[in-house]
Amino acid sequence: GDSLINGPSSLNLNGLTLSVENPGSFTVDYNVPKKDVRFQFMNN
């Protein structure tokens, strides 16, 4: 909801996360406002 603080006409990058994921193997998230990268690896 932070990305739509003032409605769709004023869309900002608060609360936006971009991800690349291979289900059951790995996920890479980029949190745009925090400029943080999160790596997640799954195995069994």
PDB file of all heavy atoms in Angstrom:
ATOM      1  N   GLY A   1       0.805  -1.213   0.000  1.00  0.00           N
ATOM      2  CA  GLY A   1       0.000   0.000   0.000  1.00  0.00           C
ATOM      3  C   GLY A   1       0.835   1.258   0.000  1.00  0.00           C
ATOM      4  O   GLY A   1       0.388   2.325  -0.443  1.00  0.00           O
ATOM      5  N   ASP A   2       2.119   1.178   0.477  1.00  0.00           N
ATOM      6  CA  ASP A   2       2.983   2.355   0.484  1.00  0.00           C
ATOM      7  C   ASP A   2       3.277   2.865  -0.915  1.00  0.00           C
ATOM      8  O   ASP A   2       3.648   4.024  -1.099  1.00  0.00           O
ATOM      9  CB  ASP A   2       4.314   2.026   1.173  1.00  0.00           C
ATOM     10  CG  ASP A   2       4.124   1.753   2.653  1.00  0.00           C
ATOM     11  OD1 ASP A   2       3.119   2.245   3.209  1.00  0.00           O
ATOM     12  OD2 ASP A   2       4.971   1.060   3.242  1.00  0.00           O
ATOM     13  N   SER A   3       3.135   1.997  -1.917  1.00  0.00           N
ATOM     14  CA  SER A   3       3.416   2.412  -3.293  1.00  0.00           C
ATOM     15  C   SER A   3       2.298   3.266  -3.878  1.00  0.00           C
ATOM     16  O   SER A   3       2.448   3.859  -4.937  1.00  0.00           O
ATOM     17  CB  SER A   3       3.625   1.180  -4.186  1.00  0.00           C
ATOM     18  OG  SER A   3       4.736   0.440  -3.746  1.00  0.00           O
ATOM     19  N   LEU A   4       1.155   3.305  -3.187  1.00  0.00           N
ATOM     20  CA  LEU A   4       0.007   4.061  -3.686  1.00  0.00           C
ATOM     21  C   LEU A   4      -0.488   5.034  -2.615  1.00  0.00           C
ATOM     22  O   LEU A   4      -1.675   5.157  -2.362  1.00  0.00           O
ATOM     23  CB  LEU A   4      -1.122   3.098  -4.074  1.00  0.00           C
ATOM     24  CG  LEU A   4      -0.799   2.108  -5.188  1.00  0.00           C
ATOM     25  CD1 LEU A   4      -1.898   1.063  -5.302  1.00  0.00           C
ATOM     26  CD2 LEU A   4      -0.626   2.823  -6.512  1.00  0.00           C
ATOM     27  N   ILE A   5       0.454   5.714  -1.967  1.00  0.00           N
ATOM     28  CA  ILE A   5       0.106   6.594  -0.862  1.00  0.00           C
ATOM     29  C   ILE A   5      -0.914   7.648  -1.275  1.00  0.00           C
ATOM     30  O   ILE A   5      -1.877   7.911  -0.568  1.00  0.00           O
ATOM     31  CB  ILE A   5       1.371   7.271  -0.300  1.00  0.00           C
ATOM     32  CG1 ILE A   5       2.281   6.222   0.338  1.00  0.00           C
ATOM     33  CG2 ILE A   5       0.999   8.352   0.708  1.00  0.00           C
ATOM     34  CD1 ILE A   5       3.588   6.786   0.841  1.00  0.00           C
ATOM     35  N   ASN A   6      -0.721   8.234  -2.435  1.00  0.00           N
ATOM     36  CA  ASN A   6      -1.617   9.297  -2.887  1.00  0.00           C
ATOM     37  C   ASN A   6      -2.435   8.886  -4.103  1.00  0.00           C
ATOM     38  O   ASN A   6      -2.858   9.721  -4.887  1.00  0.00           O
ATOM     39  CB  ASN A   6      -0.808  10.560  -3.203  1.00  0.00           C
ATOM     40  CG  ASN A   6      -0.095  11.111  -1.989  1.00  0.00           C
ATOM     41  OD1 ASN A   6      -0.702  11.226  -0.927  1.00  0.00           O
ATOM     42  ND2 ASN A   6       1.184  11.431  -2.127  1.00  0.00           N
ATOM     43  N   GLY A   7      -2.629   7.562  -4.255  1.00  0.00           N
ATOM     44  CA  GLY A   7      -3.421   7.088  -5.374  1.00  0.00           C
ATOM     45  C   GLY A   7      -2.561   6.662  -6.541  1.00  0.00           C
ATOM     46  O   GLY A   7      -1.369   6.949  -6.614  1.00  0.00           O
ATOM     47  N   PRO A   8      -3.145   5.955  -7.526  1.00  0.00           N
ATOM     48  CA  PRO A   8      -2.395   5.422  -8.668  1.00  0.00           C
ATOM     49  C   PRO A   8      -1.705   6.489  -9.491  1.00  0.00           C
ATOM     50  O   PRO A   8      -0.699   6.226 -10.131  1.00  0.00           O
ATOM     51  CB  PRO A   8      -3.484   4.700  -9.488  1.00  0.00           C
ATOM     52  CG  PRO A   8      -4.574   4.414  -8.505  1.00  0.00           C
ATOM     53  CD  PRO A   8      -4.560   5.545  -7.533  1.00  0.00           C
ATOM     54  N   SER A   9      -2.220   7.709  -9.488  1.00  0.00           N
ATOM     55  CA  SER A   9      -1.630   8.759 -10.314  1.00  0.00           C
ATOM     56  C   SER A   9      -0.271   9.197  -9.806  1.00  0.00           C
ATOM     57  O   SER A   9       0.487   9.856 -10.519  1.00  0.00           O
ATOM     58  CB  SER A   9      -2.575   9.966 -10.382  1.00  0.00           C
ATOM     59  OG  SER A   9      -2.792  10.486  -9.081  1.00  0.00           O
ATOM     60  N   SER A  10       0.036   8.871  -8.546  1.00  0.00           N
ATOM     61  CA  SER A  10       1.314   9.285  -7.970  1.00  0.00           C
ATOM     62  C   SER A  10       2.095   8.066  -7.485  1.00  0.00           C
ATOM     63  O   SER A  10       2.614   8.042  -6.384  1.00  0.00           O
ATOM     64  CB  SER A  10       1.086  10.254  -6.808  1.00  0.00           C
ATOM     65  OG  SER A  10       0.278   9.662  -5.815  1.00  0.00           O
ATOM     66  N   LEU A  11       2.168   7.050  -8.326  1.00  0.00           N
ATOM     67  CA  LEU A  11       2.861   5.819  -7.977  1.00  0.00           C
ATOM     68  C   LEU A  11       4.321   6.101  -7.640  1.00  0.00           C
ATOM     69  O   LEU A  11       5.023   6.783  -8.384  1.00  0.00           O
ATOM     70  CB  LEU A  11       2.780   4.833  -9.149  1.00  0.00           C
ATOM     71  CG  LEU A  11       3.446   3.473  -8.959  1.00  0.00           C
ATOM     72  CD1 LEU A  11       2.703   2.689  -7.884  1.00  0.00           C
ATOM     73  CD2 LEU A  11       3.461   2.711 -10.267  1.00  0.00           C
ATOM     74  N   ASN A  12       4.798   5.606  -6.482  1.00  0.00           N
ATOM     75  CA  ASN A  12       6.194   5.760  -6.120  1.00  0.00           C
ATOM     76  C   ASN A  12       6.784   4.380  -5.870  1.00  0.00           C
ATOM     77  O   ASN A  12       6.108   3.366  -6.011  1.00  0.00           O
ATOM     78  CB  ASN A  12       6.326   6.664  -4.885  1.00  0.00           C
ATOM     79  CG  ASN A  12       5.515   6.146  -3.710  1.00  0.00           C
ATOM     80  OD1 ASN A  12       5.797   5.061  -3.197  1.00  0.00           O
ATOM     81  ND2 ASN A  12       4.503   6.887  -3.292  1.00  0.00           N
ATOM     82  N   LEU A  13       8.048   4.373  -5.477  1.00  0.00           N
ATOM     83  CA  LEU A  13       8.761   3.102  -5.332  1.00  0.00           C
ATOM     84  C   LEU A  13       8.734   2.555  -3.909  1.00  0.00           C
ATOM     85  O   LEU A  13       9.359   1.539  -3.642  1.00  0.00           O
ATOM     86  CB  LEU A  13      10.213   3.282  -5.800  1.00  0.00           C
ATOM     87  CG  LEU A  13      10.387   3.697  -7.262  1.00  0.00           C
ATOM     88  CD1 LEU A  13      11.860   3.809  -7.605  1.00  0.00           C
ATOM     89  CD2 LEU A  13       9.692   2.725  -8.196  1.00  0.00           C
ATOM     90  N   ASN A  14       8.040   3.228  -2.995  1.00  0.00           N
ATOM     91  CA  ASN A  14       7.925   2.690  -1.642  1.00  0.00           C
ATOM     92  C   ASN A  14       7.160   1.371  -1.678  1.00  0.00           C
ATOM     93  O   ASN A  14       6.069   1.294  -2.221  1.00  0.00           O
ATOM     94  CB  ASN A  14       7.193   3.679  -0.727  1.00  0.00           C
ATOM     95  CG  ASN A  14       7.996   4.925  -0.455  1.00  0.00           C
ATOM     96  OD1 ASN A  14       9.216   4.882  -0.469  1.00  0.00           O
ATOM     97  ND2 ASN A  14       7.317   6.032  -0.218  1.00  0.00           N
ATOM     98  N   GLY A  15       7.724   0.340  -1.060  1.00  0.00           N
ATOM     99  CA  GLY A  15       7.041  -0.945  -1.006  1.00  0.00           C
ATOM    100  C   GLY A  15       7.174  -1.788  -2.256  1.00  0.00           C
ATOM    101  O   GLY A  15       6.476  -2.793  -2.394  1.00  0.00           O
ATOM    102  N   LEU A  16       8.071  -1.428  -3.181  1.00  0.00           N
ATOM    103  CA  LEU A  16       8.244  -2.191  -4.424  1.00  0.00           C
ATOM    104  C   LEU A  16       9.397  -3.181  -4.274  1.00  0.00           C
ATOM    105  O   LEU A  16      10.499  -2.821  -3.856  1.00  0.00           O
ATOM    106  CB  LEU A  16       8.533  -1.252  -5.595  1.00  0.00           C
ATOM    107  CG  LEU A  16       8.871  -1.926  -6.938  1.00  0.00           C
ATOM    108  CD1 LEU A  16       7.697  -2.761  -7.435  1.00  0.00           C
ATOM    109  CD2 LEU A  16       9.277  -0.881  -7.972  1.00  0.00           C
ATOM    110  N   THR A  17       9.129  -4.451  -4.606  1.00  0.00           N
ATOM    111  CA  THR A  17      10.145  -5.499  -4.579  1.00  0.00           C
ATOM    112  C   THR A  17      10.147  -6.237  -5.911  1.00  0.00           C
ATOM    113  O   THR A  17       9.091  -6.623  -6.416  1.00  0.00           O
ATOM    114  CB  THR A  17       9.871  -6.515  -3.447  1.00  0.00           C
ATOM    115  OG1 THR A  17       9.861  -5.834  -2.190  1.00  0.00           O
ATOM    116  CG2 THR A  17      10.940  -7.591  -3.411  1.00  0.00           C
ATOM    117  N   LEU A  18      11.329  -6.428  -6.486  1.00  0.00           N
ATOM    118  CA  LEU A  18      11.503  -7.164  -7.736  1.00  0.00           C
ATOM    119  C   LEU A  18      12.203  -8.479  -7.433  1.00  0.00           C
ATOM    120  O   LEU A  18      13.173  -8.516  -6.666  1.00  0.00           O
ATOM    121  CB  LEU A  18      12.330  -6.339  -8.728  1.00  0.00           C
ATOM    122  CG  LEU A  18      11.802  -4.928  -9.050  1.00  0.00           C
ATOM    123  CD1 LEU A  18      12.771  -4.197  -9.971  1.00  0.00           C
ATOM    124  CD2 LEU A  18      10.413  -5.006  -9.672  1.00  0.00           C
ATOM    125  N   SER A  19      11.702  -9.575  -8.033  1.00  0.00           N
ATOM    126  CA  SER A  19      12.228 -10.895  -7.697  1.00  0.00           C
ATOM    127  C   SER A  19      12.465 -11.742  -8.937  1.00  0.00           C
ATOM    128  O   SER A  19      11.754 -11.617  -9.942  1.00  0.00           O
ATOM    129  CB  SER A  19      11.252 -11.639  -6.774  1.00  0.00           C
ATOM    130  OG  SER A  19      10.920 -10.867  -5.639  1.00  0.00           O
ATOM    131  N   VAL A  20      13.468 -12.599  -8.828  1.00  0.00           N
ATOM    132  CA  VAL A  20      13.720 -13.669  -9.802  1.00  0.00           C
ATOM    133  C   VAL A  20      13.727 -14.971  -9.015  1.00  0.00           C
ATOM    134  O   VAL A  20      14.459 -15.096  -8.026  1.00  0.00           O
ATOM    135  CB  VAL A  20      15.070 -13.474 -10.525  1.00  0.00           C
ATOM    136  CG1 VAL A  20      15.314 -14.630 -11.493  1.00  0.00           C
ATOM    137  CG2 VAL A  20      15.107 -12.145 -11.260  1.00  0.00           C
ATOM    138  N   GLU A  21      12.905 -15.935  -9.423  1.00  0.00           N
ATOM    139  CA  GLU A  21      12.818 -17.159  -8.632  1.00  0.00           C
ATOM    140  C   GLU A  21      12.711 -18.403  -9.508  1.00  0.00           C
ATOM    141  O   GLU A  21      12.074 -18.396 -10.552  1.00  0.00           O
ATOM    142  CB  GLU A  21      11.622 -17.092  -7.683  1.00  0.00           C
ATOM    143  CG  GLU A  21      10.283 -16.838  -8.368  1.00  0.00           C
ATOM    144  CD  GLU A  21       9.147 -16.636  -7.371  1.00  0.00           C
ATOM    145  OE1 GLU A  21       9.382 -16.081  -6.298  1.00  0.00           O
ATOM    146  OE2 GLU A  21       8.008 -17.038  -7.705  1.00  0.00           O
ATOM    147  N   ASN A  22      13.389 -19.425  -9.066  1.00  0.00           N
ATOM    148  CA  ASN A  22      13.259 -20.763  -9.641  1.00  0.00           C
ATOM    149  C   ASN A  22      12.625 -21.621  -8.549  1.00  0.00           C
ATOM    150  O   ASN A  22      13.303 -21.995  -7.588  1.00  0.00           O
ATOM    151  CB  ASN A  22      14.627 -21.311 -10.044  1.00  0.00           C
ATOM    152  CG  ASN A  22      14.525 -22.651 -10.748  1.00  0.00           C
ATOM    153  OD1 ASN A  22      13.460 -23.262 -10.806  1.00  0.00           O
ATOM    154  ND2 ASN A  22      15.638 -23.128 -11.285  1.00  0.00           N
ATOM    155  N   PRO A  23      11.316 -21.894  -8.649  1.00  0.00           N
ATOM    156  CA  PRO A  23      10.598 -22.566  -7.558  1.00  0.00           C
ATOM    157  C   PRO A  23      11.301 -23.837  -7.085  1.00  0.00           C
ATOM    158  O   PRO A  23      11.678 -24.696  -7.879  1.00  0.00           O
ATOM    159  CB  PRO A  23       9.230 -22.885  -8.187  1.00  0.00           C
ATOM    160  CG  PRO A  23       9.051 -21.821  -9.236  1.00  0.00           C
ATOM    161  CD  PRO A  23      10.434 -21.594  -9.787  1.00  0.00           C
ATOM    162  N   GLY A  24      11.506 -23.920  -5.754  1.00  0.00           N
ATOM    163  CA  GLY A  24      12.153 -25.080  -5.174  1.00  0.00           C
ATOM    164  C   GLY A  24      13.658 -25.057  -5.237  1.00  0.00           C
ATOM    165  O   GLY A  24      14.319 -25.979  -4.744  1.00  0.00           O
ATOM    166  N   SER A  25      14.246 -23.988  -5.817  1.00  0.00           N
ATOM    167  CA  SER A  25      15.691 -23.925  -5.964  1.00  0.00           C
ATOM    168  C   SER A  25      16.278 -22.633  -5.379  1.00  0.00           C
ATOM    169  O   SER A  25      17.092 -22.676  -4.464  1.00  0.00           O
ATOM    170  CB  SER A  25      16.076 -24.042  -7.443  1.00  0.00           C
ATOM    171  OG  SER A  25      17.478 -24.004  -7.590  1.00  0.00           O
ATOM    172  N   PHE A  26      15.869 -21.479  -5.895  1.00  0.00           N
ATOM    173  CA  PHE A  26      16.409 -20.220  -5.382  1.00  0.00           C
ATOM    174  C   PHE A  26      15.448 -19.073  -5.659  1.00  0.00           C
ATOM    175  O   PHE A  26      14.581 -19.140  -6.534  1.00  0.00           O
ATOM    176  CB  PHE A  26      17.776 -19.903  -6.008  1.00  0.00           C
ATOM    177  CG  PHE A  26      17.704 -19.519  -7.471  1.00  0.00           C
ATOM    178  CD1 PHE A  26      17.428 -18.211  -7.861  1.00  0.00           C
ATOM    179  CD2 PHE A  26      17.896 -20.469  -8.459  1.00  0.00           C
ATOM    180  CE1 PHE A  26      17.360 -17.858  -9.197  1.00  0.00           C
ATOM    181  CE2 PHE A  26      17.825 -20.132  -9.801  1.00  0.00           C
ATOM    182  CZ  PHE A  26      17.552 -18.823 -10.171  1.00  0.00           C
ATOM    183  N   THR A  27      15.627 -17.999  -4.883  1.00  0.00           N
ATOM    184  CA  THR A  27      14.903 -16.751  -5.077  1.00  0.00           C
ATOM    185  C   THR A  27      15.849 -15.595  -4.772  1.00  0.00           C
ATOM    186  O   THR A  27      16.584 -15.638  -3.780  1.00  0.00           O
ATOM    187  CB  THR A  27      13.679 -16.648  -4.140  1.00  0.00           C
ATOM    188  OG1 THR A  27      12.776 -17.716  -4.406  1.00  0.00           O
ATOM    189  CG2 THR A  27      12.949 -15.327  -4.342  1.00  0.00           C
ATOM    190  N   VAL A  28      15.831 -14.574  -5.628  1.00  0.00           N
ATOM    191  CA  VAL A  28      16.603 -13.355  -5.397  1.00  0.00           C
ATOM    192  C   VAL A  28      15.628 -12.188  -5.400  1.00  0.00           C
ATOM    193  O   VAL A  28      14.937 -11.961  -6.397  1.00  0.00           O
ATOM    194  CB  VAL A  28      17.689 -13.150  -6.474  1.00  0.00           C
ATOM    195  CG1 VAL A  28      18.469 -11.866  -6.195  1.00  0.00           C
ATOM    196  CG2 VAL A  28      18.636 -14.346  -6.518  1.00  0.00           C
ATOM    197  N   ASP A  29      15.559 -11.468  -4.271  1.00  0.00           N
ATOM    198  CA  ASP A  29      14.663 -10.318  -4.133  1.00  0.00           C
ATOM    199  C   ASP A  29      15.472  -9.039  -4.060  1.00  0.00           C
ATOM    200  O   ASP A  29      16.518  -8.994  -3.382  1.00  0.00           O
ATOM    201  CB  ASP A  29      13.818 -10.429  -2.858  1.00  0.00           C
ATOM    202  CG  ASP A  29      12.916 -11.650  -2.853  1.00  0.00           C
ATOM    203  OD1 ASP A  29      12.400 -12.006  -3.927  1.00  0.00           O
ATOM    204  OD2 ASP A  29      12.726 -12.247  -1.769  1.00  0.00           O
ATOM    205  N   TYR A  30      14.967  -7.987  -4.718  1.00  0.00           N
ATOM    206  CA  TYR A  30      15.570  -6.660  -4.587  1.00  0.00           C
ATOM    207  C   TYR A  30      14.522  -5.706  -4.050  1.00  0.00           C
ATOM    208  O   TYR A  30      13.533  -5.408  -4.724  1.00  0.00           O
ATOM    209  CB  TYR A  30      16.108  -6.155  -5.932  1.00  0.00           C
ATOM    210  CG  TYR A  30      16.714  -4.769  -5.836  1.00  0.00           C
ATOM    211  CD1 TYR A  30      17.856  -4.557  -5.071  1.00  0.00           C
ATOM    212  CD2 TYR A  30      16.128  -3.680  -6.485  1.00  0.00           C
ATOM    213  CE1 TYR A  30      18.413  -3.291  -4.963  1.00  0.00           C
ATOM    214  CE2 TYR A  30      16.681  -2.416  -6.383  1.00  0.00           C
ATOM    215  CZ  TYR A  30      17.822  -2.224  -5.614  1.00  0.00           C
ATOM    216  OH  TYR A  30      18.365  -0.967  -5.506  1.00  0.00           O
ATOM    217  N   ASN A  31      14.728  -5.241  -2.820  1.00  0.00           N
ATOM    218  CA  ASN A  31      13.828  -4.279  -2.202  1.00  0.00           C
ATOM    219  C   ASN A  31      14.251  -2.890  -2.639  1.00  0.00           C
ATOM    220  O   ASN A  31      15.313  -2.388  -2.239  1.00  0.00           O
ATOM    221  CB  ASN A  31      13.890  -4.419  -0.667  1.00  0.00           C
ATOM    222  CG  ASN A  31      12.846  -3.594   0.031  1.00  0.00           C
ATOM    223  OD1 ASN A  31      12.746  -2.386  -0.184  1.00  0.00           O
ATOM    224  ND2 ASN A  31      12.067  -4.230   0.892  1.00  0.00           N
ATOM    225  N   VAL A  32      13.437  -2.257  -3.486  1.00  0.00           N
ATOM    226  CA  VAL A  32      13.821  -0.993  -4.117  1.00  0.00           C
ATOM    227  C   VAL A  32      14.025   0.134  -3.112  1.00  0.00           C
ATOM    228  O   VAL A  32      15.067   0.794  -3.127  1.00  0.00           O
ATOM    229  CB  VAL A  32      12.789  -0.600  -5.196  1.00  0.00           C
ATOM    230  CG1 VAL A  32      13.127   0.769  -5.782  1.00  0.00           C
ATOM    231  CG2 VAL A  32      12.752  -1.652  -6.300  1.00  0.00           C
ATOM    232  N   PRO A  33      13.070   0.410  -2.195  1.00  0.00           N
ATOM    233  CA  PRO A  33      13.296   1.539  -1.278  1.00  0.00           C
ATOM    234  C   PRO A  33      14.456   1.318  -0.315  1.00  0.00           C
ATOM    235  O   PRO A  33      15.169   2.253   0.032  1.00  0.00           O
ATOM    236  CB  PRO A  33      11.958   1.661  -0.527  1.00  0.00           C
ATOM    237  CG  PRO A  33      11.310   0.332  -0.668  1.00  0.00           C
ATOM    238  CD  PRO A  33      11.727  -0.182  -2.018  1.00  0.00           C
ATOM    239  N   LYS A  34      14.667   0.063   0.126  1.00  0.00           N
ATOM    240  CA  LYS A  34      15.760  -0.217   1.060  1.00  0.00           C
ATOM    241  C   LYS A  34      17.085  -0.477   0.344  1.00  0.00           C
ATOM    242  O   LYS A  34      18.134  -0.547   0.997  1.00  0.00           O
ATOM    243  CB  LYS A  34      15.412  -1.432   1.923  1.00  0.00           C
ATOM    244  CG  LYS A  34      14.267  -1.204   2.874  1.00  0.00           C
ATOM    245  CD  LYS A  34      14.029  -2.443   3.737  1.00  0.00           C
ATOM    246  CE  LYS A  34      12.905  -2.237   4.730  1.00  0.00           C
ATOM    247  NZ  LYS A  34      12.682  -3.431   5.578  1.00  0.00           N
ATOM    248  N   LYS A  35      17.036  -0.658  -0.982  1.00  0.00           N
ATOM    249  CA  LYS A  35      18.211  -0.995  -1.776  1.00  0.00           C
ATOM    250  C   LYS A  35      18.914  -2.225  -1.188  1.00  0.00           C
ATOM    251  O   LYS A  35      20.133  -2.274  -1.060  1.00  0.00           O
ATOM    252  CB  LYS A  35      19.184   0.192  -1.847  1.00  0.00           C
ATOM    253  CG  LYS A  35      18.594   1.416  -2.544  1.00  0.00           C
ATOM    254  CD  LYS A  35      19.583   2.554  -2.623  1.00  0.00           C
ATOM    255  CE  LYS A  35      18.972   3.762  -3.321  1.00  0.00           C
ATOM    256  NZ  LYS A  35      19.911   4.902  -3.398  1.00  0.00           N
ATOM    257  N   ASP A  36      18.102  -3.209  -0.841  1.00  0.00           N
ATOM    258  CA  ASP A  36      18.608  -4.416  -0.201  1.00  0.00           C
ATOM    259  C   ASP A  36      18.351  -5.620  -1.097  1.00  0.00           C
ATOM    260  O   ASP A  36      17.277  -5.760  -1.685  1.00  0.00           O
ATOM    261  CB  ASP A  36      17.921  -4.613   1.153  1.00  0.00           C
ATOM    262  CG  ASP A  36      18.512  -5.782   1.927  1.00  0.00           C
ATOM    263  OD1 ASP A  36      19.624  -6.223   1.583  1.00  0.00           O
ATOM    264  OD2 ASP A  36      17.862  -6.248   2.893  1.00  0.00           O
ATOM    265  N   VAL A  37      19.337  -6.498  -1.185  1.00  0.00           N
ATOM    266  CA  VAL A  37      19.212  -7.741  -1.953  1.00  0.00           C
ATOM    267  C   VAL A  37      19.118  -8.898  -0.968  1.00  0.00           C
ATOM    268  O   VAL A  37      19.905  -8.990  -0.016  1.00  0.00           O
ATOM    269  CB  VAL A  37      20.405  -7.954  -2.894  1.00  0.00           C
ATOM    270  CG1 VAL A  37      20.257  -9.264  -3.663  1.00  0.00           C
ATOM    271  CG2 VAL A  37      20.520  -6.794  -3.873  1.00  0.00           C
ATOM    272  N   ARG A  38      18.139  -9.769  -1.186  1.00  0.00           N
ATOM    273  CA  ARG A  38      17.980 -10.947  -0.342  1.00  0.00           C
ATOM    274  C   ARG A  38      18.109 -12.194  -1.200  1.00  0.00           C
ATOM    275  O   ARG A  38      17.430 -12.344  -2.213  1.00  0.00           O
ATOM    276  CB  ARG A  38      16.613 -10.949   0.352  1.00  0.00           C
ATOM    277  CG  ARG A  38      16.469 -12.049   1.380  1.00  0.00           C
ATOM    278  CD  ARG A  38      15.053 -12.145   1.918  1.00  0.00           C
ATOM    279  NE  ARG A  38      14.157 -12.729   0.914  1.00  0.00           N
ATOM    280  CZ  ARG A  38      13.004 -13.328   1.213  1.00  0.00           C
ATOM    281  NH1 ARG A  38      12.590 -13.382   2.455  1.00  0.00           N
ATOM    282  NH2 ARG A  38      12.251 -13.835   0.250  1.00  0.00           N
ATOM    283  N   PHE A  39      19.018 -13.090  -0.798  1.00  0.00           N
ATOM    284  CA  PHE A  39      19.222 -14.354  -1.491  1.00  0.00           C
ATOM    285  C   PHE A  39      18.581 -15.472  -0.681  1.00  0.00           C
ATOM    286  O   PHE A  39      18.737 -15.529   0.539  1.00  0.00           O
ATOM    287  CB  PHE A  39      20.713 -14.642  -1.670  1.00  0.00           C
ATOM    288  CG  PHE A  39      21.449 -13.612  -2.469  1.00  0.00           C
ATOM    289  CD1 PHE A  39      22.087 -12.552  -1.839  1.00  0.00           C
ATOM    290  CD2 PHE A  39      21.485 -13.695  -3.851  1.00  0.00           C
ATOM    291  CE1 PHE A  39      22.770 -11.599  -2.576  1.00  0.00           C
ATOM    292  CE2 PHE A  39      22.164 -12.749  -4.599  1.00  0.00           C
ATOM    293  CZ  PHE A  39      22.811 -11.694  -3.956  1.00  0.00           C
ATOM    294  N   GLN A  40      17.911 -16.386  -1.370  1.00  0.00           N
ATOM    295  CA  GLN A  40      17.280 -17.517  -0.706  1.00  0.00           C
ATOM    296  C   GLN A  40      17.528 -18.774  -1.545  1.00  0.00           C
ATOM    297  O   GLN A  40      17.232 -18.798  -2.743  1.00  0.00           O
ATOM    298  CB  GLN A  40      15.790 -17.267  -0.539  1.00  0.00           C
ATOM    299  CG  GLN A  40      15.091 -18.248   0.367  1.00  0.00           C
ATOM    300  CD  GLN A  40      13.651 -17.847   0.644  1.00  0.00           C
ATOM    301  OE1 GLN A  40      12.820 -17.901  -0.253  1.00  0.00           O
ATOM    302  NE2 GLN A  40      13.369 -17.434   1.874  1.00  0.00           N
ATOM    303  N   PHE A  41      18.108 -19.786  -0.907  1.00  0.00           N
ATOM    304  CA  PHE A  41      18.414 -21.035  -1.596  1.00  0.00           C
ATOM    305  C   PHE A  41      17.727 -22.189  -0.883  1.00  0.00           C
ATOM    306  O   PHE A  41      17.782 -22.298   0.342  1.00  0.00           O
ATOM    307  CB  PHE A  41      19.925 -21.270  -1.642  1.00  0.00           C
ATOM    308  CG  PHE A  41      20.684 -20.174  -2.341  1.00  0.00           C
ATOM    309  CD1 PHE A  41      21.269 -19.148  -1.617  1.00  0.00           C
ATOM    310  CD2 PHE A  41      20.782 -20.165  -3.725  1.00  0.00           C
ATOM    311  CE1 PHE A  41      21.957 -18.137  -2.260  1.00  0.00           C
ATOM    312  CE2 PHE A  41      21.468 -19.151  -4.373  1.00  0.00           C
ATOM    313  CZ  PHE A  41      22.067 -18.137  -3.639  1.00  0.00           C
ATOM    314  N   MET A  42      17.071 -23.053  -1.659  1.00  0.00           N
ATOM    315  CA  MET A  42      16.362 -24.204  -1.112  1.00  0.00           C
ATOM    316  C   MET A  42      17.019 -25.505  -1.573  1.00  0.00           C
ATOM    317  O   MET A  42      17.509 -25.579  -2.704  1.00  0.00           O
ATOM    318  CB  MET A  42      14.903 -24.198  -1.572  1.00  0.00           C
ATOM    319  CG  MET A  42      14.073 -23.069  -0.959  1.00  0.00           C
ATOM    320  SD  MET A  42      14.364 -21.450  -1.694  1.00  0.00           S
ATOM    321  CE  MET A  42      13.333 -21.571  -3.150  1.00  0.00           C
ATOM    322  N   ASN A  43      17.036 -26.495  -0.694  1.00  0.00           N
ATOM    323  CA  ASN A  43      17.593 -27.795  -1.048  1.00  0.00           C
ATOM    324  C   ASN A  43      16.964 -28.854  -0.150  1.00  0.00           C
ATOM    325  O   ASN A  43      16.216 -28.536   0.777  1.00  0.00           O
ATOM    326  CB  ASN A  43      19.114 -27.797  -0.888  1.00  0.00           C
ATOM    327  CG  ASN A  43      19.788 -28.760  -1.853  1.00  0.00           C
ATOM    328  OD1 ASN A  43      19.191 -29.769  -2.242  1.00  0.00           O
ATOM    329  ND2 ASN A  43      21.027 -28.466  -2.239  1.00  0.00           N
ATOM    330  N   ASN A  44      17.274 -30.111  -0.412  1.00  0.00           N
ATOM    331  CA  ASN A  44      16.738 -31.194   0.406  1.00  0.00           C
ATOM    332  C   ASN A  44      17.716 -32.359   0.420  1.00  0.00           C
ATOM    333  O   ASN A  44      18.579 -32.483  -0.452  1.00  0.00           O
ATOM    334  CB  ASN A  44      15.366 -31.642  -0.110  1.00  0.00           C
ATOM    335  CG  ASN A  44      15.413 -32.103  -1.556  1.00  0.00           C
ATOM    336  OD1 ASN A  44      15.836 -33.216  -1.853  1.00  0.00           O
ATOM    337  ND2 ASN A  44      14.986 -31.240  -2.474  1.00  0.00           N
TER     338      ASN A  44
END
